[in-house]
Amino acid sequence: MDLLNVEDITELTERAKKIRQHIIKMTNAAGSGHPGGSLSAVEILVCLYFRILKHNPKDPHWAERDRFILSKGHAAPALYAVLAESGYIPIEELMTLRKLGCRLQGHPSMTVTPGVEMSTGSLGHGLAVANGMALAAKLDRKLNRIYVLCGDGEMDVGEIWESAMLASHYKLDNVTMYLDRNMLQLDGPTEKIMSIEPLADKWKAFGWHVQEIDGHNMREIMMATEHAKNTHGKPSVIICHTVKGKGVSFMEGTVHFHGKAPNKDECAKALEEIGACKL
């Protein structure tokens, strides 16, 4: 079943361009932030907010909404960009990223930013909280689905694997985790710092339904999510193979821009490479 036609792919691709433009402009204006891991997650977030999630920007606390948790909270610029493009916050507010007293802090805060479901930043907590939300939905006999995005460096954290056991034990089939597998973390390649392979086999051993996809392919993201929705009795993980810094040649595949904002010249070059958005 093909969930996206040519027009859908074109629209989502243009939205991804716009989100990348926002990420570059925001981090440049702030003089700090995490562009690399934000850029690698763009297609996942675009599919979520413009095709997958049941949500209402006019009523962020709508009881029937699905929940999304950005467990890799340092990718906040990407989240803020999709929230703005969805209508939760004004577009112009994006340029206040990390400014004193702003609503767009360096990591997401559920107490100040509309649409943020959980305050994140300390890695490893997102999946645990997603499990709690999923258990609550089950107990209340609600159909809300819980989505969480984790980084591959985050797999070093023990709480992830405790949460994996719990989700499987309680058969939380309303949880879908996207794993941003860009192969790099703060200090270097994941496999050099703390090898996490064979990753798919690990999640299968923990009782999860596992899929591996190209994390920049909209159609694959949509199809994998649909398979997750139709999987019963176990939680789902979608291992998304991505490129850190995707869309900007001098940021791709390097840790240099993990936590470093582009300067004025780099910003101009990055925006030129991303190109104009037709939306």
Protein backbone atom coordinates (compact mmCIF):
# COMPACT_ATOMS: atom_id res chain seq x y z
CA MET A 1 0.00 0.00 0.00
CA ASP A 2 1.44 3.36 -1.08
CA LEU A 3 0.59 6.01 1.51
CA LEU A 4 2.09 8.92 -0.41
CA ASN A 5 1.49 10.12 -3.95
CA VAL A 6 3.85 12.29 -5.98
CA GLU A 7 2.21 15.49 -4.73
CA ASP A 8 2.58 14.34 -1.11
CA ILE A 9 6.28 13.59 -1.58
CA THR A 10 6.82 16.99 -3.22
CA GLU A 11 5.04 18.80 -0.40
CA LEU A 12 6.90 16.96 2.35
CA THR A 13 10.23 17.47 0.59
CA GLU A 14 9.60 21.21 0.39
CA ARG A 15 8.61 21.26 4.06
CA ALA A 16 11.87 19.50 4.90
CA LYS A 17 13.76 22.23 3.03
CA LYS A 18 11.99 24.90 5.04
CA ILE A 19 12.70 23.12 8.33
CA ARG A 20 16.40 22.89 7.41
CA GLN A 21 16.44 26.60 6.58
CA HIS A 22 14.95 27.37 9.99
CA ILE A 23 17.51 25.18 11.78
CA ILE A 24 20.42 26.94 10.10
CA LYS A 25 19.03 30.44 10.66
CA MET A 26 18.06 29.76 14.28
CA THR A 27 21.37 28.31 15.37
CA ASN A 28 23.29 31.02 13.52
CA ALA A 29 21.24 33.76 15.23
CA ALA A 30 21.70 32.10 18.63
CA GLY A 31 25.41 31.52 18.11
CA SER A 32 24.95 28.10 19.68
CA GLY A 33 22.88 24.95 19.38
CA HIS A 34 23.03 21.53 17.76
CA PRO A 35 22.53 21.69 13.99
CA GLY A 36 24.04 18.29 13.12
CA GLY A 37 21.58 16.05 14.96
CA SER A 38 18.71 18.39 14.16
CA LEU A 39 19.31 18.10 10.43
CA SER A 40 19.50 14.29 10.55
CA ALA A 41 16.02 14.07 12.08
CA VAL A 42 14.17 16.43 9.72
CA GLU A 43 12.34 13.91 7.52
CA ILE A 44 11.15 11.93 10.55
CA LEU A 45 9.72 15.04 12.20
CA VAL A 46 8.16 16.33 8.98
CA CYS A 47 6.34 13.03 8.43
CA LEU A 48 5.22 12.99 12.04
CA TYR A 49 3.81 16.49 12.25
CA PHE A 50 2.36 16.75 8.74
CA ARG A 51 1.10 13.21 8.12
CA ILE A 52 1.24 10.89 11.13
CA LEU A 53 0.42 12.57 14.43
CA LYS A 54 -3.15 13.16 15.52
CA HIS A 55 -2.74 16.64 17.03
CA ASN A 56 -4.32 20.07 17.19
CA PRO A 57 -2.10 23.18 17.31
CA LYS A 58 -5.11 25.27 18.33
CA ASP A 59 -5.61 23.02 21.36
CA PRO A 60 -2.18 21.63 22.39
CA HIS A 61 -3.71 19.79 25.37
CA TRP A 62 -6.47 18.08 23.38
CA ALA A 63 -7.11 14.84 25.27
CA GLU A 64 -7.35 12.67 22.15
CA ARG A 65 -4.01 13.75 20.69
CA ASP A 66 -1.09 11.46 20.01
CA ARG A 67 2.08 12.30 21.96
CA PHE A 68 5.55 12.91 20.61
CA ILE A 69 8.66 13.01 22.80
CA LEU A 70 11.99 14.27 21.51
CA SER A 71 14.22 12.18 23.74
CA LYS A 72 17.37 13.51 22.03
CA GLY A 73 16.49 16.95 23.34
CA HIS A 74 19.53 18.67 21.86
CA ALA A 75 17.74 18.44 18.48
CA ALA A 76 15.31 21.07 19.78
CA PRO A 77 15.80 23.39 16.76
CA ALA A 78 14.21 20.76 14.50
CA LEU A 79 11.29 20.32 16.91
CA TYR A 80 10.74 24.06 17.27
CA ALA A 81 10.78 24.46 13.50
CA VAL A 82 8.03 21.87 12.93
CA LEU A 83 6.01 23.27 15.83
CA ALA A 84 6.19 26.72 14.24
CA GLU A 85 5.30 25.45 10.77
CA SER A 86 2.39 23.49 12.32
CA GLY A 87 1.01 26.59 14.03
CA TYR A 88 1.93 26.09 17.69
CA ILE A 89 4.19 29.15 17.83
CA PRO A 90 4.79 32.11 15.49
CA ILE A 91 7.44 31.57 12.79
CA GLU A 92 9.24 34.77 13.82
CA GLU A 93 9.69 33.41 17.35
CA LEU A 94 12.17 30.85 16.02
CA MET A 95 14.83 33.55 15.93
CA THR A 96 14.64 33.87 19.73
CA LEU A 97 16.24 30.44 20.19
CA ARG A 98 18.34 30.34 23.38
CA LYS A 99 17.78 34.02 24.12
CA LEU A 100 17.38 35.00 27.79
CA GLY A 101 13.74 34.75 28.82
CA CYS A 102 12.60 33.10 25.57
CA ARG A 103 10.20 30.16 25.24
CA LEU A 104 12.61 28.28 22.97
CA GLN A 105 15.27 27.08 25.34
CA GLY A 106 18.34 25.07 24.34
CA HIS A 107 16.44 21.90 25.16
CA PRO A 108 12.64 21.48 25.05
CA SER A 109 10.63 22.58 28.08
CA MET A 110 7.03 21.44 28.49
CA THR A 111 6.38 24.27 30.95
CA VAL A 112 6.97 27.12 28.49
CA THR A 113 6.68 25.90 24.88
CA PRO A 114 3.27 24.98 23.40
CA GLY A 115 3.28 21.52 21.85
CA VAL A 116 6.21 20.16 23.86
CA GLU A 117 5.05 17.03 25.69
CA MET A 118 8.14 16.45 27.83
CA SER A 119 11.16 18.42 29.01
CA THR A 120 14.20 16.59 27.68
CA GLY A 121 17.95 17.01 27.46
CA SER A 122 19.38 14.49 29.88
CA LEU A 123 19.53 11.51 27.55
CA GLY A 124 17.72 8.22 28.12
CA HIS A 125 14.52 9.45 29.76
CA GLY A 126 12.25 9.86 26.74
CA LEU A 127 11.39 6.21 26.22
CA ALA A 128 10.65 5.71 29.91
CA VAL A 129 8.18 8.59 29.91
CA ALA A 130 6.67 7.37 26.63
CA ASN A 131 6.04 4.03 28.35
CA GLY A 132 4.23 5.81 31.16
CA MET A 133 2.03 7.69 28.71
CA ALA A 134 1.32 4.47 26.82
CA LEU A 135 0.41 2.57 30.00
CA ALA A 136 -1.93 5.39 31.02
CA ALA A 137 -3.63 5.29 27.62
CA LYS A 138 -4.08 1.52 27.93
CA LEU A 139 -5.56 1.84 31.42
CA ASP A 140 -7.93 4.56 30.24
CA ARG A 141 -8.85 2.52 27.15
CA LYS A 142 -7.72 5.38 24.92
CA LEU A 143 -6.43 5.04 21.38
CA ASN A 144 -3.67 7.64 21.70
CA ARG A 145 -0.38 6.56 20.18
CA ILE A 146 2.98 7.55 21.67
CA TYR A 147 5.95 8.34 19.45
CA VAL A 148 9.48 8.96 20.65
CA LEU A 149 12.67 9.91 18.81
CA CYS A 150 15.96 8.73 20.28
CA GLY A 151 19.55 9.21 19.13
CA ASP A 152 21.96 6.35 18.56
CA GLY A 153 24.43 7.79 21.09
CA GLU A 154 21.54 7.57 23.53
CA MET A 155 21.72 3.78 23.27
CA ASP A 156 24.73 3.98 25.63
CA VAL A 157 22.34 4.88 28.45
CA GLY A 158 21.13 2.03 30.65
CA GLU A 159 17.67 3.48 31.16
CA ILE A 160 16.94 2.89 27.47
CA TRP A 161 17.28 -0.85 27.93
CA GLU A 162 15.28 -0.90 31.17
CA SER A 163 12.54 0.92 29.28
CA ALA A 164 12.84 -1.53 26.40
CA MET A 165 12.20 -4.43 28.81
CA LEU A 166 9.21 -2.70 30.39
CA ALA A 167 7.55 -1.82 27.07
CA SER A 168 7.88 -5.40 25.88
CA HIS A 169 6.72 -6.87 29.19
CA TYR A 170 3.54 -4.77 29.17
CA LYS A 171 2.97 -5.30 25.44
CA LEU A 172 2.88 -1.57 24.73
CA ASP A 173 1.95 -1.77 21.07
CA ASN A 174 0.90 1.89 21.20
CA VAL A 175 4.59 2.92 21.45
CA THR A 176 6.69 3.57 18.35
CA MET A 177 10.31 4.63 18.71
CA TYR A 178 12.30 6.16 15.88
CA LEU A 179 16.04 5.64 16.29
CA ASP A 180 18.09 8.32 14.53
CA ARG A 181 21.00 6.10 13.44
CA ASN A 182 23.41 8.72 12.09
CA MET A 183 26.42 6.77 13.41
CA LEU A 184 27.89 9.76 15.28
CA GLN A 185 27.62 11.14 18.80
CA LEU A 186 29.25 14.07 20.57
CA ASP A 187 32.79 12.70 20.68
CA GLY A 188 32.93 10.63 17.50
CA PRO A 189 31.56 7.48 15.81
CA THR A 190 29.20 5.45 17.97
CA GLU A 191 30.98 2.23 17.10
CA LYS A 192 34.32 3.62 18.30
CA ILE A 193 33.03 5.12 21.54
CA MET A 194 30.68 2.34 22.62
CA SER A 195 29.69 -0.21 20.01
CA ILE A 196 25.92 -0.76 19.93
CA GLU A 197 25.78 -3.24 17.07
CA PRO A 198 24.11 -5.60 16.30
CA LEU A 199 21.41 -3.03 17.05
CA ALA A 200 18.45 -4.66 15.32
CA ASP A 201 19.18 -8.00 16.98
CA LYS A 202 19.35 -6.35 20.39
CA TRP A 203 15.89 -4.80 20.02
CA LYS A 204 14.47 -8.08 18.71
CA ALA A 205 15.95 -9.86 21.73
CA PHE A 206 14.18 -7.36 23.97
CA GLY A 207 10.86 -8.34 22.37
CA TRP A 208 10.32 -5.41 20.02
CA HIS A 209 9.03 -5.35 16.45
CA VAL A 210 12.02 -4.04 14.47
CA GLN A 211 12.24 -2.34 11.08
CA GLU A 212 15.22 -0.72 9.37
CA ILE A 213 14.74 2.07 6.83
CA ASP A 214 16.33 5.03 5.10
CA GLY A 215 15.52 7.78 7.58
CA HIS A 216 15.51 10.44 4.85
CA ASN A 217 12.98 8.62 2.65
CA MET A 218 9.47 9.93 3.31
CA ARG A 219 7.76 6.91 1.78
CA GLU A 220 9.78 4.45 3.87
CA ILE A 221 9.09 6.44 7.06
CA MET A 222 5.35 6.41 6.36
CA MET A 223 5.25 2.71 5.45
CA ALA A 224 7.26 1.67 8.50
CA THR A 225 5.02 3.74 10.76
CA GLU A 226 1.95 2.11 9.26
CA HIS A 227 3.45 -1.34 9.88
CA ALA A 228 4.10 -0.29 13.49
CA LYS A 229 0.48 0.79 13.89
CA ASN A 230 -0.64 -2.60 12.65
CA THR A 231 1.68 -4.55 14.95
CA HIS A 232 -0.16 -5.93 17.96
CA GLY A 233 1.18 -7.22 21.27
CA LYS A 234 4.63 -5.62 21.13
CA PRO A 235 6.19 -2.14 20.86
CA SER A 236 7.90 -1.06 17.64
CA VAL A 237 11.29 0.44 16.90
CA ILE A 238 12.13 1.91 13.50
CA ILE A 239 15.89 2.12 13.01
CA CYS A 240 16.28 5.12 10.70
CA HIS A 241 19.62 5.19 8.89
CA THR A 242 20.43 8.89 8.55
CA VAL A 243 23.29 11.30 7.90
CA LYS A 244 24.32 13.73 10.59
CA GLY A 245 24.11 17.26 9.17
CA LYS A 246 21.99 16.04 6.22
CA GLY A 247 21.45 18.63 3.50
CA VAL A 248 24.57 20.72 4.11
CA SER A 249 27.71 19.24 2.54
CA PHE A 250 30.25 20.58 5.04
CA MET A 251 28.10 19.44 7.98
CA GLU A 252 27.34 15.94 6.69
CA GLY A 253 29.00 12.99 8.40
CA THR A 254 31.05 15.01 10.88
CA VAL A 255 30.84 15.68 14.61
CA HIS A 256 32.20 19.20 14.08
CA PHE A 257 28.67 20.63 14.01
CA HIS A 258 27.19 18.41 16.70
CA GLY A 259 27.05 21.33 19.13
CA LYS A 260 28.48 24.19 17.08
CA ALA A 261 26.40 26.80 15.29
CA PRO A 262 27.29 27.96 11.78
CA ASN A 263 28.87 31.40 11.54
CA LYS A 264 27.66 34.06 9.10
CA ASP A 265 29.56 32.72 6.08
CA GLU A 266 28.69 29.09 6.88
CA CYS A 267 25.05 30.09 7.33
CA ALA A 268 24.95 31.72 3.89
CA LYS A 269 26.64 28.72 2.25
CA ALA A 270 24.31 26.25 3.99
CA LEU A 271 21.17 28.14 2.94
CA GLU A 272 22.44 28.28 -0.65
CA GLU A 273 22.95 24.50 -0.65
CA ILE A 274 19.53 23.80 0.84
CA GLY A 275 17.95 25.97 -1.85
CA ALA A 276 14.74 27.94 -2.07
CA CYS A 277 11.53 26.46 -0.69
CA LYS A 278 8.43 26.69 -2.88
CA LEU A 279 5.92 26.57 -0.01
